[in-house]
Amino acid sequence: LLKRGASLVTGGTDNHLAVVDVTRSGLSGRAAADALAAAGIVVDKAVLPFDPAPVAQGSAIRVGTPTVTANGLGVDDMVVLADRILDVLAGAKQ
């Protein structure tokens, strides 16, 4: 995600969870989560620290790896998944 220019809260992650700011894509967190769900990628909308957006919309998505790794995906697959996430967000409209 970082290599493709995504903005991650705290600049990265130290655990199984990343919060991705989607405001650059012009989407709310909810719209981004809905677009990704339509593409078969399940994430959760999230709010950023001091987020000006309503809590029901949020300005971020929360991406977790436990389900992905439980289904047998590895590091190389994560790169493909990150690319797919960002491609879907780039093509989504608010």
N, C-alpha and C. Protein backbone atom coordinates (compact mmCIF):
# COMPACT_ATOMS: atom_id res chain seq x y z
N LEU A 1 0.82 -1.19 0.00
CA LEU A 1 0.00 0.00 0.00
C LEU A 1 0.86 1.26 0.00
N LEU A 2 1.87 1.27 0.85
CA LEU A 2 2.75 2.43 0.92
C LEU A 2 3.51 2.66 -0.38
N LYS A 3 3.97 1.58 -1.01
CA LYS A 3 4.72 1.72 -2.26
C LYS A 3 3.89 2.33 -3.37
N ARG A 4 2.57 2.18 -3.29
CA ARG A 4 1.67 2.77 -4.30
C ARG A 4 1.17 4.14 -3.88
N GLY A 5 1.66 4.66 -2.75
CA GLY A 5 1.32 6.01 -2.34
C GLY A 5 0.13 6.16 -1.42
N ALA A 6 -0.38 5.05 -0.89
CA ALA A 6 -1.48 5.14 0.07
C ALA A 6 -0.99 5.79 1.36
N SER A 7 -1.89 6.51 1.99
CA SER A 7 -1.57 7.15 3.26
C SER A 7 -2.10 6.28 4.39
N LEU A 8 -1.19 5.72 5.18
CA LEU A 8 -1.59 4.88 6.30
C LEU A 8 -1.48 5.67 7.60
N VAL A 9 -2.49 5.55 8.44
CA VAL A 9 -2.44 6.19 9.74
C VAL A 9 -1.24 5.62 10.49
N THR A 10 -0.48 6.45 11.10
CA THR A 10 0.78 6.15 11.79
C THR A 10 1.90 5.77 10.82
N GLY A 11 1.67 5.91 9.53
CA GLY A 11 2.72 5.62 8.55
C GLY A 11 2.94 4.16 8.27
N GLY A 12 2.15 3.29 8.84
CA GLY A 12 2.32 1.85 8.62
C GLY A 12 1.54 1.08 9.65
N THR A 13 2.03 -0.09 9.97
CA THR A 13 1.36 -0.92 10.96
C THR A 13 2.38 -1.77 11.69
N ASP A 14 2.12 -2.02 12.94
CA ASP A 14 2.96 -2.90 13.74
C ASP A 14 2.21 -4.18 14.10
N ASN A 15 1.03 -4.34 13.53
CA ASN A 15 0.24 -5.53 13.83
C ASN A 15 -0.51 -5.97 12.57
N HIS A 16 -1.59 -6.65 12.74
CA HIS A 16 -2.35 -7.21 11.62
C HIS A 16 -3.31 -6.23 10.97
N LEU A 17 -3.24 -4.97 11.36
CA LEU A 17 -4.25 -4.00 10.96
C LEU A 17 -3.62 -2.75 10.37
N ALA A 18 -4.20 -2.25 9.29
CA ALA A 18 -3.77 -0.97 8.71
C ALA A 18 -5.01 -0.12 8.49
N VAL A 19 -4.89 1.16 8.82
CA VAL A 19 -5.97 2.11 8.56
C VAL A 19 -5.51 3.00 7.41
N VAL A 20 -6.24 2.95 6.30
CA VAL A 20 -5.86 3.64 5.07
C VAL A 20 -6.76 4.86 4.88
N ASP A 21 -6.15 6.03 4.81
CA ASP A 21 -6.87 7.28 4.54
C ASP A 21 -7.28 7.27 3.06
N VAL A 22 -8.58 7.35 2.79
CA VAL A 22 -9.06 7.29 1.41
C VAL A 22 -9.49 8.65 0.88
N THR A 23 -9.21 9.71 1.61
CA THR A 23 -9.67 11.03 1.17
C THR A 23 -9.04 11.46 -0.14
N ARG A 24 -7.82 11.02 -0.43
CA ARG A 24 -7.19 11.36 -1.72
C ARG A 24 -7.95 10.82 -2.91
N SER A 25 -8.66 9.73 -2.70
CA SER A 25 -9.44 9.13 -3.79
C SER A 25 -10.78 9.84 -3.96
N GLY A 26 -11.08 10.78 -3.06
CA GLY A 26 -12.34 11.50 -3.14
C GLY A 26 -13.52 10.71 -2.59
N LEU A 27 -13.23 9.65 -1.87
CA LEU A 27 -14.27 8.78 -1.32
C LEU A 27 -14.35 8.91 0.19
N SER A 28 -15.51 8.61 0.72
CA SER A 28 -15.63 8.43 2.16
C SER A 28 -15.19 7.00 2.48
N GLY A 29 -14.97 6.72 3.73
CA GLY A 29 -14.64 5.35 4.13
C GLY A 29 -15.74 4.37 3.78
N ARG A 30 -16.99 4.81 3.97
CA ARG A 30 -18.12 3.93 3.64
C ARG A 30 -18.18 3.66 2.15
N ALA A 31 -18.02 4.70 1.33
CA ALA A 31 -18.06 4.52 -0.13
C ALA A 31 -16.92 3.62 -0.59
N ALA A 32 -15.75 3.80 -0.01
CA ALA A 32 -14.60 2.96 -0.36
C ALA A 32 -14.86 1.51 0.02
N ALA A 33 -15.39 1.28 1.23
CA ALA A 33 -15.69 -0.09 1.67
C ALA A 33 -16.75 -0.73 0.77
N ASP A 34 -17.75 0.06 0.36
CA ASP A 34 -18.79 -0.47 -0.53
C ASP A 34 -18.22 -0.83 -1.90
N ALA A 35 -17.35 0.04 -2.45
CA ALA A 35 -16.73 -0.24 -3.75
C ALA A 35 -15.87 -1.49 -3.68
N LEU A 36 -15.13 -1.63 -2.60
CA LEU A 36 -14.29 -2.82 -2.46
C LEU A 36 -15.13 -4.08 -2.26
N ALA A 37 -16.22 -3.97 -1.52
CA ALA A 37 -17.11 -5.13 -1.33
C ALA A 37 -17.68 -5.58 -2.67
N ALA A 38 -18.02 -4.64 -3.53
CA ALA A 38 -18.53 -4.98 -4.85
C ALA A 38 -17.48 -5.71 -5.69
N ALA A 39 -16.20 -5.49 -5.36
CA ALA A 39 -15.10 -6.15 -6.06
C ALA A 39 -14.66 -7.43 -5.33
N GLY A 40 -15.39 -7.79 -4.28
CA GLY A 40 -15.07 -9.02 -3.56
C GLY A 40 -14.00 -8.87 -2.48
N ILE A 41 -13.71 -7.64 -2.07
CA ILE A 41 -12.71 -7.38 -1.03
C ILE A 41 -13.43 -6.77 0.15
N VAL A 42 -13.40 -7.45 1.28
CA VAL A 42 -14.13 -7.00 2.46
C VAL A 42 -13.18 -6.23 3.38
N VAL A 43 -13.53 -4.97 3.62
CA VAL A 43 -12.82 -4.11 4.57
C VAL A 43 -13.89 -3.41 5.40
N ASP A 44 -13.47 -2.64 6.37
CA ASP A 44 -14.41 -1.91 7.20
C ASP A 44 -14.13 -0.43 7.06
N LYS A 45 -15.16 0.40 7.02
CA LYS A 45 -14.93 1.84 7.03
C LYS A 45 -14.38 2.21 8.40
N ALA A 46 -13.62 3.29 8.45
CA ALA A 46 -13.02 3.71 9.72
C ALA A 46 -12.95 5.23 9.75
N VAL A 47 -12.73 5.75 10.93
CA VAL A 47 -12.53 7.19 11.09
C VAL A 47 -11.06 7.44 11.38
N LEU A 48 -10.60 8.61 10.96
CA LEU A 48 -9.23 9.03 11.22
C LEU A 48 -9.19 9.80 12.53
N PRO A 49 -8.02 9.93 13.14
CA PRO A 49 -7.92 10.82 14.30
C PRO A 49 -8.36 12.23 13.88
N PHE A 50 -9.23 12.83 14.67
CA PHE A 50 -9.75 14.19 14.40
C PHE A 50 -10.46 14.26 13.04
N ASP A 51 -11.09 13.19 12.64
CA ASP A 51 -11.77 13.09 11.35
C ASP A 51 -12.92 14.09 11.27
N PRO A 52 -12.92 14.95 10.23
CA PRO A 52 -14.03 15.90 10.07
C PRO A 52 -15.30 15.24 9.50
N ALA A 53 -15.16 14.06 8.93
CA ALA A 53 -16.31 13.38 8.35
C ALA A 53 -17.19 12.79 9.45
N PRO A 54 -18.48 12.65 9.18
CA PRO A 54 -19.37 12.01 10.15
C PRO A 54 -18.90 10.57 10.42
N VAL A 55 -19.11 10.13 11.64
CA VAL A 55 -18.68 8.78 12.03
C VAL A 55 -19.29 7.72 11.11
N ALA A 56 -20.51 7.92 10.69
CA ALA A 56 -21.17 6.94 9.81
C ALA A 56 -20.51 6.84 8.44
N GLN A 57 -19.75 7.85 8.05
CA GLN A 57 -19.07 7.83 6.75
C GLN A 57 -17.58 7.55 6.89
N GLY A 58 -16.91 8.24 7.80
CA GLY A 58 -15.47 8.07 7.99
C GLY A 58 -14.68 8.50 6.77
N SER A 59 -13.38 8.61 6.97
CA SER A 59 -12.47 9.00 5.88
C SER A 59 -11.42 7.94 5.62
N ALA A 60 -11.65 6.74 6.11
CA ALA A 60 -10.63 5.70 6.00
C ALA A 60 -11.28 4.33 5.89
N ILE A 61 -10.43 3.36 5.56
CA ILE A 61 -10.83 1.95 5.63
C ILE A 61 -9.84 1.22 6.52
N ARG A 62 -10.33 0.19 7.16
CA ARG A 62 -9.48 -0.64 8.02
C ARG A 62 -9.27 -1.96 7.29
N VAL A 63 -8.01 -2.31 7.09
CA VAL A 63 -7.63 -3.52 6.38
C VAL A 63 -6.92 -4.45 7.36
N GLY A 64 -7.41 -5.67 7.50
CA GLY A 64 -6.79 -6.64 8.39
C GLY A 64 -6.32 -7.86 7.63
N THR A 65 -5.29 -8.50 8.13
CA THR A 65 -4.73 -9.65 7.44
C THR A 65 -5.10 -11.02 8.00
N PRO A 66 -5.72 -11.16 9.17
CA PRO A 66 -5.98 -12.50 9.70
C PRO A 66 -6.77 -13.41 8.75
N THR A 67 -7.83 -12.92 8.15
CA THR A 67 -8.63 -13.75 7.26
C THR A 67 -7.85 -14.11 6.00
N VAL A 68 -7.08 -13.15 5.51
CA VAL A 68 -6.29 -13.38 4.30
C VAL A 68 -5.26 -14.48 4.54
N THR A 69 -4.53 -14.39 5.65
CA THR A 69 -3.51 -15.40 5.94
C THR A 69 -4.15 -16.74 6.30
N ALA A 70 -5.31 -16.71 6.96
CA ALA A 70 -6.00 -17.95 7.30
C ALA A 70 -6.44 -18.70 6.04
N ASN A 71 -6.62 -17.97 4.96
CA ASN A 71 -7.00 -18.59 3.68
C ASN A 71 -5.80 -18.94 2.83
N GLY A 72 -4.60 -18.86 3.41
CA GLY A 72 -3.41 -19.35 2.73
C GLY A 72 -2.66 -18.34 1.89
N LEU A 73 -3.04 -17.09 1.92
CA LEU A 73 -2.31 -16.09 1.14
C LEU A 73 -1.04 -15.67 1.89
N GLY A 74 0.00 -15.36 1.13
CA GLY A 74 1.28 -14.97 1.71
C GLY A 74 1.68 -13.57 1.29
N VAL A 75 2.95 -13.27 1.48
CA VAL A 75 3.48 -11.93 1.23
C VAL A 75 3.26 -11.51 -0.22
N ASP A 76 3.58 -12.36 -1.17
CA ASP A 76 3.41 -12.01 -2.59
C ASP A 76 1.94 -11.73 -2.91
N ASP A 77 1.06 -12.49 -2.29
CA ASP A 77 -0.38 -12.28 -2.50
C ASP A 77 -0.82 -10.94 -1.92
N MET A 78 -0.20 -10.53 -0.83
CA MET A 78 -0.55 -9.25 -0.21
C MET A 78 -0.22 -8.09 -1.14
N VAL A 79 0.85 -8.20 -1.90
CA VAL A 79 1.20 -7.16 -2.87
C VAL A 79 0.11 -7.07 -3.94
N VAL A 80 -0.34 -8.21 -4.43
CA VAL A 80 -1.41 -8.23 -5.43
C VAL A 80 -2.70 -7.65 -4.83
N LEU A 81 -3.01 -8.02 -3.60
CA LEU A 81 -4.21 -7.52 -2.94
C LEU A 81 -4.14 -6.00 -2.74
N ALA A 82 -3.00 -5.50 -2.31
CA ALA A 82 -2.83 -4.05 -2.14
C ALA A 82 -3.04 -3.33 -3.47
N ASP A 83 -2.46 -3.87 -4.53
CA ASP A 83 -2.65 -3.27 -5.86
C ASP A 83 -4.13 -3.27 -6.24
N ARG A 84 -4.80 -4.36 -6.00
CA ARG A 84 -6.22 -4.46 -6.36
C ARG A 84 -7.04 -3.45 -5.56
N ILE A 85 -6.77 -3.33 -4.26
CA ILE A 85 -7.48 -2.37 -3.43
C ILE A 85 -7.32 -0.96 -4.00
N LEU A 86 -6.11 -0.58 -4.29
CA LEU A 86 -5.87 0.78 -4.79
C LEU A 86 -6.43 0.98 -6.19
N ASP A 87 -6.42 -0.05 -7.02
CA ASP A 87 -7.03 0.05 -8.35
C ASP A 87 -8.55 0.26 -8.25
N VAL A 88 -9.19 -0.48 -7.35
CA VAL A 88 -10.63 -0.33 -7.17
C VAL A 88 -10.95 1.08 -6.67
N LEU A 89 -10.18 1.55 -5.70
CA LEU A 89 -10.43 2.89 -5.16
C LEU A 89 -10.21 3.96 -6.22
N ALA A 90 -9.21 3.77 -7.06
CA ALA A 90 -8.94 4.75 -8.12
C ALA A 90 -10.08 4.80 -9.14
N GLY A 91 -10.77 3.68 -9.32
CA GLY A 91 -11.85 3.63 -10.30
C GLY A 91 -13.22 3.92 -9.72
N ALA A 92 -13.30 4.04 -8.40
CA ALA A 92 -14.61 4.25 -7.75
C ALA A 92 -15.00 5.73 -7.81
N LYS A 93 -16.27 5.96 -7.85
CA LYS A 93 -16.82 7.32 -7.84
C LYS A 93 -17.67 7.51 -6.59
N GLN A 94 -17.60 8.69 -6.02
CA GLN A 94 -18.37 9.02 -4.82
C GLN A 94 -19.84 9.07 -5.14
